[in-house]
Amino acid sequence: MPGGREVRTAENIGVLEVSKEEVETMSDIISFKLDEGELEALALCNRLGAKIFLTDDLDAREAGKRLGLEVHGSVGIIARAYRDGLINLDDAKKRFE
């Protein structure tokens, strides 16, 4: 996975494991055909009580909404970063491109 080593060794990022049972349970709960990574992400949201789910996959977005999550894609993330003053307008435009 690109960036996997950097994520595993970063001091400010924790890596959580998801069990096969959690993935299977999530698959049973939702009626969407999702990849295992998307199911794992939704299972983690469920386990951690997350309120926000970040994804650009349309089916995963719909599944997240059905689970009661606030769903955002990359456009929403860029817009929020600009609104919150984390990036300037030029940076936001570059990221939209």
PDB file of N, CA and C in Angstrom:
ATOM      1  N   MET A   1       0.848  -1.171   0.000  1.00  0.00           N
ATOM      2  CA  MET A   1       0.000   0.000   0.000  1.00  0.00           C
ATOM      3  C   MET A   1       0.899   1.241   0.000  1.00  0.00           C
ATOM      4  N   PRO A   2       0.712   2.160  -0.947  1.00  0.00           N
ATOM      5  CA  PRO A   2       1.514   3.382  -0.963  1.00  0.00           C
ATOM      6  C   PRO A   2       1.354   4.162   0.332  1.00  0.00           C
ATOM      7  N   GLY A   3       2.470   4.538   0.929  1.00  0.00           N
ATOM      8  CA  GLY A   3       2.442   5.299   2.172  1.00  0.00           C
ATOM      9  C   GLY A   3       2.256   4.450   3.409  1.00  0.00           C
ATOM     10  N   GLY A   4       2.091   3.149   3.240  1.00  0.00           N
ATOM     11  CA  GLY A   4       1.839   2.261   4.376  1.00  0.00           C
ATOM     12  C   GLY A   4       2.939   2.294   5.425  1.00  0.00           C
ATOM     13  N   ARG A   5       4.189   2.262   4.974  1.00  0.00           N
ATOM     14  CA  ARG A   5       5.305   2.278   5.924  1.00  0.00           C
ATOM     15  C   ARG A   5       5.321   3.592   6.701  1.00  0.00           C
ATOM     16  N   GLU A   6       5.076   4.701   5.996  1.00  0.00           N
ATOM     17  CA  GLU A   6       5.064   6.008   6.656  1.00  0.00           C
ATOM     18  C   GLU A   6       3.957   6.085   7.706  1.00  0.00           C
ATOM     19  N   VAL A   7       2.807   5.538   7.385  1.00  0.00           N
ATOM     20  CA  VAL A   7       1.696   5.554   8.349  1.00  0.00           C
ATOM     21  C   VAL A   7       2.041   4.710   9.568  1.00  0.00           C
ATOM     22  N   ARG A   8       2.590   3.514   9.326  1.00  0.00           N
ATOM     23  CA  ARG A   8       2.907   2.617  10.453  1.00  0.00           C
ATOM     24  C   ARG A   8       3.982   3.192  11.367  1.00  0.00           C
ATOM     25  N   THR A   9       4.884   4.015  10.837  1.00  0.00           N
ATOM     26  CA  THR A   9       5.980   4.534  11.660  1.00  0.00           C
ATOM     27  C   THR A   9       5.733   5.953  12.161  1.00  0.00           C
ATOM     28  N   ALA A  10       4.663   6.589  11.734  1.00  0.00           N
ATOM     29  CA  ALA A  10       4.364   7.950  12.190  1.00  0.00           C
ATOM     30  C   ALA A  10       4.003   7.934  13.673  1.00  0.00           C
ATOM     31  N   GLU A  11       4.526   8.901  14.399  1.00  0.00           N
ATOM     32  CA  GLU A  11       4.273   8.963  15.837  1.00  0.00           C
ATOM     33  C   GLU A  11       2.891   9.504  16.175  1.00  0.00           C
ATOM     34  N   ASN A  12       2.270  10.234  15.235  1.00  0.00           N
ATOM     35  CA  ASN A  12       0.984  10.861  15.534  1.00  0.00           C
ATOM     36  C   ASN A  12      -0.193  10.129  14.896  1.00  0.00           C
ATOM     37  N   ILE A  13       0.033   8.909  14.399  1.00  0.00           N
ATOM     38  CA  ILE A  13      -1.036   8.125  13.775  1.00  0.00           C
ATOM     39  C   ILE A  13      -1.079   6.750  14.426  1.00  0.00           C
ATOM     40  N   GLY A  14      -2.249   6.359  14.868  1.00  0.00           N
ATOM     41  CA  GLY A  14      -2.430   5.022  15.410  1.00  0.00           C
ATOM     42  C   GLY A  14      -3.077   4.120  14.373  1.00  0.00           C
ATOM     43  N   VAL A  15      -2.644   2.883  14.315  1.00  0.00           N
ATOM     44  CA  VAL A  15      -3.206   1.919  13.367  1.00  0.00           C
ATOM     45  C   VAL A  15      -4.068   0.938  14.163  1.00  0.00           C
ATOM     46  N   LEU A  16      -5.325   0.810  13.757  1.00  0.00           N
ATOM     47  CA  LEU A  16      -6.257  -0.090  14.434  1.00  0.00           C
ATOM     48  C   LEU A  16      -6.569  -1.269  13.527  1.00  0.00           C
ATOM     49  N   GLU A  17      -6.644  -2.433  14.101  1.00  0.00           N
ATOM     50  CA  GLU A  17      -6.978  -3.639  13.348  1.00  0.00           C
ATOM     51  C   GLU A  17      -8.485  -3.868  13.417  1.00  0.00           C
ATOM     52  N   VAL A  18      -9.032  -4.416  12.345  1.00  0.00           N
ATOM     53  CA  VAL A  18     -10.450  -4.750  12.283  1.00  0.00           C
ATOM     54  C   VAL A  18     -10.557  -6.256  12.087  1.00  0.00           C
ATOM     55  N   SER A  19     -11.379  -6.895  12.903  1.00  0.00           N
ATOM     56  CA  SER A  19     -11.517  -8.344  12.808  1.00  0.00           C
ATOM     57  C   SER A  19     -12.415  -8.739  11.641  1.00  0.00           C
ATOM     58  N   LYS A  20     -12.244  -9.970  11.191  1.00  0.00           N
ATOM     59  CA  LYS A  20     -13.111 -10.503  10.129  1.00  0.00           C
ATOM     60  C   LYS A  20     -14.571 -10.471  10.572  1.00  0.00           C
ATOM     61  N   GLU A  21     -14.813 -10.720  11.853  1.00  0.00           N
ATOM     62  CA  GLU A  21     -16.175 -10.712  12.375  1.00  0.00           C
ATOM     63  C   GLU A  21     -16.800  -9.324  12.250  1.00  0.00           C
ATOM     64  N   GLU A  22     -16.020  -8.279  12.542  1.00  0.00           N
ATOM     65  CA  GLU A  22     -16.535  -6.917  12.420  1.00  0.00           C
ATOM     66  C   GLU A  22     -16.880  -6.592  10.970  1.00  0.00           C
ATOM     67  N   VAL A  23     -16.028  -7.033  10.042  1.00  0.00           N
ATOM     68  CA  VAL A  23     -16.269  -6.794   8.617  1.00  0.00           C
ATOM     69  C   VAL A  23     -17.516  -7.552   8.172  1.00  0.00           C
ATOM     70  N   GLU A  24     -17.637  -8.809   8.590  1.00  0.00           N
ATOM     71  CA  GLU A  24     -18.809  -9.603   8.213  1.00  0.00           C
ATOM     72  C   GLU A  24     -20.087  -9.014   8.789  1.00  0.00           C
ATOM     73  N   THR A  25     -20.029  -8.542  10.032  1.00  0.00           N
ATOM     74  CA  THR A  25     -21.197  -7.914  10.654  1.00  0.00           C
ATOM     75  C   THR A  25     -21.600  -6.662   9.885  1.00  0.00           C
ATOM     76  N   MET A  26     -20.617  -5.848   9.516  1.00  0.00           N
ATOM     77  CA  MET A  26     -20.908  -4.627   8.770  1.00  0.00           C
ATOM     78  C   MET A  26     -21.506  -4.984   7.413  1.00  0.00           C
ATOM     79  N   SER A  27     -20.983  -6.007   6.778  1.00  0.00           N
ATOM     80  CA  SER A  27     -21.492  -6.442   5.482  1.00  0.00           C
ATOM     81  C   SER A  27     -22.943  -6.893   5.595  1.00  0.00           C
ATOM     82  N   ASP A  28     -23.280  -7.536   6.716  1.00  0.00           N
ATOM     83  CA  ASP A  28     -24.650  -7.989   6.943  1.00  0.00           C
ATOM     84  C   ASP A  28     -25.595  -6.817   7.216  1.00  0.00           C
ATOM     85  N   ILE A  29     -25.098  -5.763   7.872  1.00  0.00           N
ATOM     86  CA  ILE A  29     -25.928  -4.628   8.250  1.00  0.00           C
ATOM     87  C   ILE A  29     -26.329  -3.792   7.038  1.00  0.00           C
ATOM     88  N   ILE A  30     -25.380  -3.573   6.127  1.00  0.00           N
ATOM     89  CA  ILE A  30     -25.650  -2.687   4.990  1.00  0.00           C
ATOM     90  C   ILE A  30     -25.951  -3.506   3.749  1.00  0.00           C
ATOM     91  N   SER A  31     -26.687  -2.917   2.838  1.00  0.00           N
ATOM     92  CA  SER A  31     -27.104  -3.650   1.636  1.00  0.00           C
ATOM     93  C   SER A  31     -26.311  -3.214   0.405  1.00  0.00           C
ATOM     94  N   PHE A  32     -25.070  -2.748   0.609  1.00  0.00           N
ATOM     95  CA  PHE A  32     -24.234  -2.300  -0.493  1.00  0.00           C
ATOM     96  C   PHE A  32     -23.085  -3.271  -0.695  1.00  0.00           C
ATOM     97  N   LYS A  33     -22.666  -3.420  -1.919  1.00  0.00           N
ATOM     98  CA  LYS A  33     -21.486  -4.223  -2.242  1.00  0.00           C
ATOM     99  C   LYS A  33     -20.279  -3.294  -2.134  1.00  0.00           C
ATOM    100  N   LEU A  34     -19.523  -3.424  -1.052  1.00  0.00           N
ATOM    101  CA  LEU A  34     -18.369  -2.564  -0.818  1.00  0.00           C
ATOM    102  C   LEU A  34     -17.098  -3.401  -0.751  1.00  0.00           C
ATOM    103  N   ASP A  35     -15.967  -2.757  -1.028  1.00  0.00           N
ATOM    104  CA  ASP A  35     -14.676  -3.410  -0.873  1.00  0.00           C
ATOM    105  C   ASP A  35     -14.399  -3.624   0.607  1.00  0.00           C
ATOM    106  N   GLU A  36     -13.466  -4.531   0.893  1.00  0.00           N
ATOM    107  CA  GLU A  36     -13.149  -4.841   2.285  1.00  0.00           C
ATOM    108  C   GLU A  36     -12.652  -3.610   3.043  1.00  0.00           C
ATOM    109  N   GLY A  37     -11.865  -2.757   2.401  1.00  0.00           N
ATOM    110  CA  GLY A  37     -11.354  -1.561   3.072  1.00  0.00           C
ATOM    111  C   GLY A  37     -12.460  -0.612   3.481  1.00  0.00           C
ATOM    112  N   GLU A  38     -13.460  -0.474   2.632  1.00  0.00           N
ATOM    113  CA  GLU A  38     -14.589   0.396   2.970  1.00  0.00           C
ATOM    114  C   GLU A  38     -15.402  -0.205   4.114  1.00  0.00           C
ATOM    115  N   LEU A  39     -15.585  -1.518   4.080  1.00  0.00           N
ATOM    116  CA  LEU A  39     -16.289  -2.184   5.177  1.00  0.00           C
ATOM    117  C   LEU A  39     -15.507  -2.048   6.484  1.00  0.00           C
ATOM    118  N   GLU A  40     -14.180  -2.164   6.405  1.00  0.00           N
ATOM    119  CA  GLU A  40     -13.355  -1.991   7.595  1.00  0.00           C
ATOM    120  C   GLU A  40     -13.495  -0.570   8.154  1.00  0.00           C
ATOM    121  N   ALA A  41     -13.489   0.416   7.272  1.00  0.00           N
ATOM    122  CA  ALA A  41     -13.625   1.806   7.717  1.00  0.00           C
ATOM    123  C   ALA A  41     -14.974   2.029   8.404  1.00  0.00           C
ATOM    124  N   LEU A  42     -16.033   1.479   7.817  1.00  0.00           N
ATOM    125  CA  LEU A  42     -17.355   1.612   8.432  1.00  0.00           C
ATOM    126  C   LEU A  42     -17.425   0.853   9.756  1.00  0.00           C
ATOM    127  N   ALA A  43     -16.782  -0.308   9.836  1.00  0.00           N
ATOM    128  CA  ALA A  43     -16.752  -1.067  11.085  1.00  0.00           C
ATOM    129  C   ALA A  43     -16.024  -0.278  12.172  1.00  0.00           C
ATOM    130  N   LEU A  44     -14.937   0.402  11.799  1.00  0.00           N
ATOM    131  CA  LEU A  44     -14.225   1.231  12.771  1.00  0.00           C
ATOM    132  C   LEU A  44     -15.079   2.406  13.223  1.00  0.00           C
ATOM    133  N   CYS A  45     -15.782   3.026  12.294  1.00  0.00           N
ATOM    134  CA  CYS A  45     -16.700   4.108  12.673  1.00  0.00           C
ATOM    135  C   CYS A  45     -17.708   3.598  13.691  1.00  0.00           C
ATOM    136  N   ASN A  46     -18.234   2.417  13.444  1.00  0.00           N
ATOM    137  CA  ASN A  46     -19.210   1.808  14.340  1.00  0.00           C
ATOM    138  C   ASN A  46     -18.578   1.527  15.709  1.00  0.00           C
ATOM    139  N   ARG A  47     -17.396   0.915  15.707  1.00  0.00           N
ATOM    140  CA  ARG A  47     -16.733   0.559  16.962  1.00  0.00           C
ATOM    141  C   ARG A  47     -16.388   1.796  17.782  1.00  0.00           C
ATOM    142  N   LEU A  48     -15.888   2.844  17.112  1.00  0.00           N
ATOM    143  CA  LEU A  48     -15.409   4.032  17.805  1.00  0.00           C
ATOM    144  C   LEU A  48     -16.494   5.064  18.069  1.00  0.00           C
ATOM    145  N   GLY A  49     -17.680   4.827  17.525  1.00  0.00           N
ATOM    146  CA  GLY A  49     -18.760   5.797  17.700  1.00  0.00           C
ATOM    147  C   GLY A  49     -18.510   7.079  16.920  1.00  0.00           C
ATOM    148  N   ALA A  50     -17.828   6.958  15.787  1.00  0.00           N
ATOM    149  CA  ALA A  50     -17.520   8.133  14.966  1.00  0.00           C
ATOM    150  C   ALA A  50     -18.797   8.752  14.429  1.00  0.00           C
ATOM    151  N   LYS A  51     -18.739  10.041  14.207  1.00  0.00           N
ATOM    152  CA  LYS A  51     -19.882  10.761  13.657  1.00  0.00           C
ATOM    153  C   LYS A  51     -19.670  11.128  12.192  1.00  0.00           C
ATOM    154  N   ILE A  52     -18.397  11.195  11.761  1.00  0.00           N
ATOM    155  CA  ILE A  52     -18.051  11.623  10.406  1.00  0.00           C
ATOM    156  C   ILE A  52     -17.323  10.499   9.684  1.00  0.00           C
ATOM    157  N   PHE A  53     -17.661  10.308   8.411  1.00  0.00           N
ATOM    158  CA  PHE A  53     -17.036   9.282   7.569  1.00  0.00           C
ATOM    159  C   PHE A  53     -16.532   9.951   6.300  1.00  0.00           C
ATOM    160  N   LEU A  54     -15.245   9.814   6.000  1.00  0.00           N
ATOM    161  CA  LEU A  54     -14.635  10.434   4.828  1.00  0.00           C
ATOM    162  C   LEU A  54     -14.399   9.390   3.753  1.00  0.00           C
ATOM    163  N   THR A  55     -15.022   9.591   2.585  1.00  0.00           N
ATOM    164  CA  THR A  55     -14.845   8.669   1.470  1.00  0.00           C
ATOM    165  C   THR A  55     -15.297   9.329   0.176  1.00  0.00           C
ATOM    166  N   ASP A  56     -14.689   8.925  -0.918  1.00  0.00           N
ATOM    167  CA  ASP A  56     -15.120   9.410  -2.233  1.00  0.00           C
ATOM    168  C   ASP A  56     -15.918   8.350  -2.984  1.00  0.00           C
ATOM    169  N   ASP A  57     -16.055   7.162  -2.422  1.00  0.00           N
ATOM    170  CA  ASP A  57     -16.803   6.095  -3.076  1.00  0.00           C
ATOM    171  C   ASP A  57     -18.304   6.316  -2.868  1.00  0.00           C
ATOM    172  N   LEU A  58     -19.051   6.368  -3.957  1.00  0.00           N
ATOM    173  CA  LEU A  58     -20.477   6.687  -3.887  1.00  0.00           C
ATOM    174  C   LEU A  58     -21.258   5.674  -3.051  1.00  0.00           C
ATOM    175  N   ASP A  59     -21.034   4.382  -3.263  1.00  0.00           N
ATOM    176  CA  ASP A  59     -21.752   3.378  -2.479  1.00  0.00           C
ATOM    177  C   ASP A  59     -21.378   3.447  -0.999  1.00  0.00           C
ATOM    178  N   ALA A  60     -20.104   3.687  -0.714  1.00  0.00           N
ATOM    179  CA  ALA A  60     -19.672   3.816   0.683  1.00  0.00           C
ATOM    180  C   ALA A  60     -20.297   5.055   1.325  1.00  0.00           C
ATOM    181  N   ARG A  61     -20.441   6.122   0.538  1.00  0.00           N
ATOM    182  CA  ARG A  61     -21.096   7.332   1.059  1.00  0.00           C
ATOM    183  C   ARG A  61     -22.539   7.030   1.438  1.00  0.00           C
ATOM    184  N   GLU A  62     -23.244   6.333   0.565  1.00  0.00           N
ATOM    185  CA  GLU A  62     -24.644   5.977   0.842  1.00  0.00           C
ATOM    186  C   GLU A  62     -24.748   5.058   2.054  1.00  0.00           C
ATOM    187  N   ALA A  63     -23.839   4.097   2.152  1.00  0.00           N
ATOM    188  CA  ALA A  63     -23.842   3.189   3.305  1.00  0.00           C
ATOM    189  C   ALA A  63     -23.599   3.970   4.592  1.00  0.00           C
ATOM    190  N   GLY A  64     -22.649   4.897   4.557  1.00  0.00           N
ATOM    191  CA  GLY A  64     -22.370   5.720   5.735  1.00  0.00           C
ATOM    192  C   GLY A  64     -23.571   6.543   6.154  1.00  0.00           C
ATOM    193  N   LYS A  65     -24.253   7.116   5.185  1.00  0.00           N
ATOM    194  CA  LYS A  65     -25.458   7.897   5.484  1.00  0.00           C
ATOM    195  C   LYS A  65     -26.523   7.015   6.131  1.00  0.00           C
ATOM    196  N   ARG A  66     -26.694   5.813   5.599  1.00  0.00           N
ATOM    197  CA  ARG A  66     -27.695   4.898   6.180  1.00  0.00           C
ATOM    198  C   ARG A  66     -27.350   4.496   7.600  1.00  0.00           C
ATOM    199  N   LEU A  67     -26.053   4.535   7.922  1.00  0.00           N
ATOM    200  CA  LEU A  67     -25.624   4.218   9.287  1.00  0.00           C
ATOM    201  C   LEU A  67     -25.688   5.445  10.199  1.00  0.00           C
ATOM    202  N   GLY A  68     -26.161   6.572   9.642  1.00  0.00           N
ATOM    203  CA  GLY A  68     -26.322   7.775  10.438  1.00  0.00           C
ATOM    204  C   GLY A  68     -25.064   8.622  10.552  1.00  0.00           C
ATOM    205  N   LEU A  69     -24.080   8.383   9.683  1.00  0.00           N
ATOM    206  CA  LEU A  69     -22.843   9.146   9.719  1.00  0.00           C
ATOM    207  C   LEU A  69     -22.946  10.398   8.855  1.00  0.00           C
ATOM    208  N   GLU A  70     -22.221  11.419   9.235  1.00  0.00           N
ATOM    209  CA  GLU A  70     -22.077  12.604   8.401  1.00  0.00           C
ATOM    210  C   GLU A  70     -20.963  12.276   7.406  1.00  0.00           C
ATOM    211  N   VAL A  71     -21.286  12.243   6.126  1.00  0.00           N
ATOM    212  CA  VAL A  71     -20.348  11.766   5.105  1.00  0.00           C
ATOM    213  C   VAL A  71     -19.799  12.936   4.289  1.00  0.00           C
ATOM    214  N   HIS A  72     -18.490  12.911   4.071  1.00  0.00           N
ATOM    215  CA  HIS A  72     -17.833  13.941   3.271  1.00  0.00           C
ATOM    216  C   HIS A  72     -16.828  13.300   2.325  1.00  0.00           C
ATOM    217  N   GLY A  73     -16.725  13.865   1.122  1.00  0.00           N
ATOM    218  CA  GLY A  73     -15.708  13.464   0.162  1.00  0.00           C
ATOM    219  C   GLY A  73     -14.599  14.485   0.128  1.00  0.00           C
ATOM    220  N   SER A  74     -13.692  14.350  -0.826  1.00  0.00           N
ATOM    221  CA  SER A  74     -12.532  15.244  -0.862  1.00  0.00           C
ATOM    222  C   SER A  74     -12.915  16.696  -1.130  1.00  0.00           C
ATOM    223  N   VAL A  75     -13.947  16.937  -1.927  1.00  0.00           N
ATOM    224  CA  VAL A  75     -14.369  18.326  -2.178  1.00  0.00           C
ATOM    225  C   VAL A  75     -14.824  18.970  -0.867  1.00  0.00           C
ATOM    226  N   GLY A  76     -15.584  18.243  -0.092  1.00  0.00           N
ATOM    227  CA  GLY A  76     -16.039  18.761   1.194  1.00  0.00           C
ATOM    228  C   GLY A  76     -14.896  19.006   2.159  1.00  0.00           C
ATOM    229  N   ILE A  77     -13.887  18.160   2.119  1.00  0.00           N
ATOM    230  CA  ILE A  77     -12.728  18.322   3.000  1.00  0.00           C
ATOM    231  C   ILE A  77     -11.952  19.581   2.630  1.00  0.00           C
ATOM    232  N   ILE A  78     -11.758  19.792   1.334  1.00  0.00           N
ATOM    233  CA  ILE A  78     -11.040  20.989   0.877  1.00  0.00           C
ATOM    234  C   ILE A  78     -11.821  22.250   1.244  1.00  0.00           C
ATOM    235  N   ALA A  79     -13.129  22.235   1.003  1.00  0.00           N
ATOM    236  CA  ALA A  79     -13.957  23.401   1.326  1.00  0.00           C
ATOM    237  C   ALA A  79     -13.920  23.698   2.822  1.00  0.00           C
ATOM    238  N   ARG A  80     -13.978  22.669   3.634  1.00  0.00           N
ATOM    239  CA  ARG A  80     -13.949  22.874   5.082  1.00  0.00           C
ATOM    240  C   ARG A  80     -12.589  23.405   5.536  1.00  0.00           C
ATOM    241  N   ALA A  81     -11.511  22.878   4.951  1.00  0.00           N
ATOM    242  CA  ALA A  81     -10.175  23.358   5.306  1.00  0.00           C
ATOM    243  C   ALA A  81     -10.034  24.841   4.970  1.00  0.00           C
ATOM    244  N   TYR A  82     -10.581  25.245   3.828  1.00  0.00           N
ATOM    245  CA  TYR A  82     -10.544  26.666   3.454  1.00  0.00           C
ATOM    246  C   TYR A  82     -11.390  27.492   4.423  1.00  0.00           C
ATOM    247  N   ARG A  83     -12.605  27.032   4.676  1.00  0.00           N
ATOM    248  CA  ARG A  83     -13.505  27.761   5.586  1.00  0.00           C
ATOM    249  C   ARG A  83     -12.903  27.912   6.980  1.00  0.00           C
ATOM    250  N   ASP A  84     -12.202  26.875   7.430  1.00  0.00           N
ATOM    251  CA  ASP A  84     -11.618  26.915   8.775  1.00  0.00           C
ATOM    252  C   ASP A  84     -10.258  27.599   8.817  1.00  0.00           C
ATOM    253  N   GLY A  85      -9.803  28.120   7.661  1.00  0.00           N
ATOM    254  CA  GLY A  85      -8.545  28.853   7.618  1.00  0.00           C
ATOM    255  C   GLY A  85      -7.302  27.982   7.626  1.00  0.00           C
ATOM    256  N   LEU A  86      -7.456  26.697   7.347  1.00  0.00           N
ATOM    257  CA  LEU A  86      -6.302  25.804   7.340  1.00  0.00           C
ATOM    258  C   LEU A  86      -5.512  25.898   6.035  1.00  0.00           C
ATOM    259  N   ILE A  87      -6.183  26.297   4.959  1.00  0.00           N
ATOM    260  CA  ILE A  87      -5.523  26.539   3.673  1.00  0.00           C
ATOM    261  C   ILE A  87      -6.076  27.834   3.100  1.00  0.00           C
ATOM    262  N   ASN A  88      -5.280  28.480   2.226  1.00  0.00           N
ATOM    263  CA  ASN A  88      -5.752  29.715   1.607  1.00  0.00           C
ATOM    264  C   ASN A  88      -6.485  29.403   0.303  1.00  0.00           C
ATOM    265  N   LEU A  89      -7.027  30.431  -0.331  1.00  0.00           N
ATOM    266  CA  LEU A  89      -7.826  30.239  -1.538  1.00  0.00           C
ATOM    267  C   LEU A  89      -7.017  29.619  -2.667  1.00  0.00           C
ATOM    268  N   ASP A  90      -5.779  30.054  -2.855  1.00  0.00           N
ATOM    269  CA  ASP A  90      -4.944  29.477  -3.916  1.00  0.00           C
ATOM    270  C   ASP A  90      -4.712  27.981  -3.683  1.00  0.00           C
ATOM    271  N   ASP A  91      -4.431  27.609  -2.419  1.00  0.00           N
ATOM    272  CA  ASP A  91      -4.239  26.186  -2.099  1.00  0.00           C
ATOM    273  C   ASP A  91      -5.520  25.395  -2.376  1.00  0.00           C
ATOM    274  N   ALA A  92      -6.651  25.958  -1.997  1.00  0.00           N
ATOM    275  CA  ALA A  92      -7.924  25.273  -2.214  1.00  0.00           C
ATOM    276  C   ALA A  92      -8.157  25.051  -3.714  1.00  0.00           C
ATOM    277  N   LYS A  93      -7.904  26.079  -4.520  1.00  0.00           N
ATOM    278  CA  LYS A  93      -8.095  25.946  -5.974  1.00  0.00           C
ATOM    279  C   LYS A  93      -7.194  24.857  -6.550  1.00  0.00           C
ATOM    280  N   LYS A  94      -5.937  24.810  -6.118  1.00  0.00           N
ATOM    281  CA  LYS A  94      -5.008  23.786  -6.596  1.00  0.00           C
ATOM    282  C   LYS A  94      -5.500  22.386  -6.249  1.00  0.00           C
ATOM    283  N   ARG A  95      -6.009  22.230  -5.046  1.00  0.00           N
ATOM    284  CA  ARG A  95      -6.473  20.914  -4.608  1.00  0.00           C
ATOM    285  C   ARG A  95      -7.754  20.484  -5.325  1.00  0.00           C
ATOM    286  N   PHE A  96      -8.611  21.449  -5.688  1.00  0.00           N
ATOM    287  CA  PHE A  96      -9.800  21.127  -6.463  1.00  0.00           C
ATOM    288  C   PHE A  96      -9.426  20.617  -7.841  1.00  0.00           C
ATOM    289  N   GLU A  97      -8.350  21.155  -8.400  1.00  0.00           N
ATOM    290  CA  GLU A  97      -7.901  20.718  -9.737  1.00  0.00           C
ATOM    291  C   GLU A  97      -7.356  19.316  -9.659  1.00  0.00           C
TER     292      GLU A  97
END
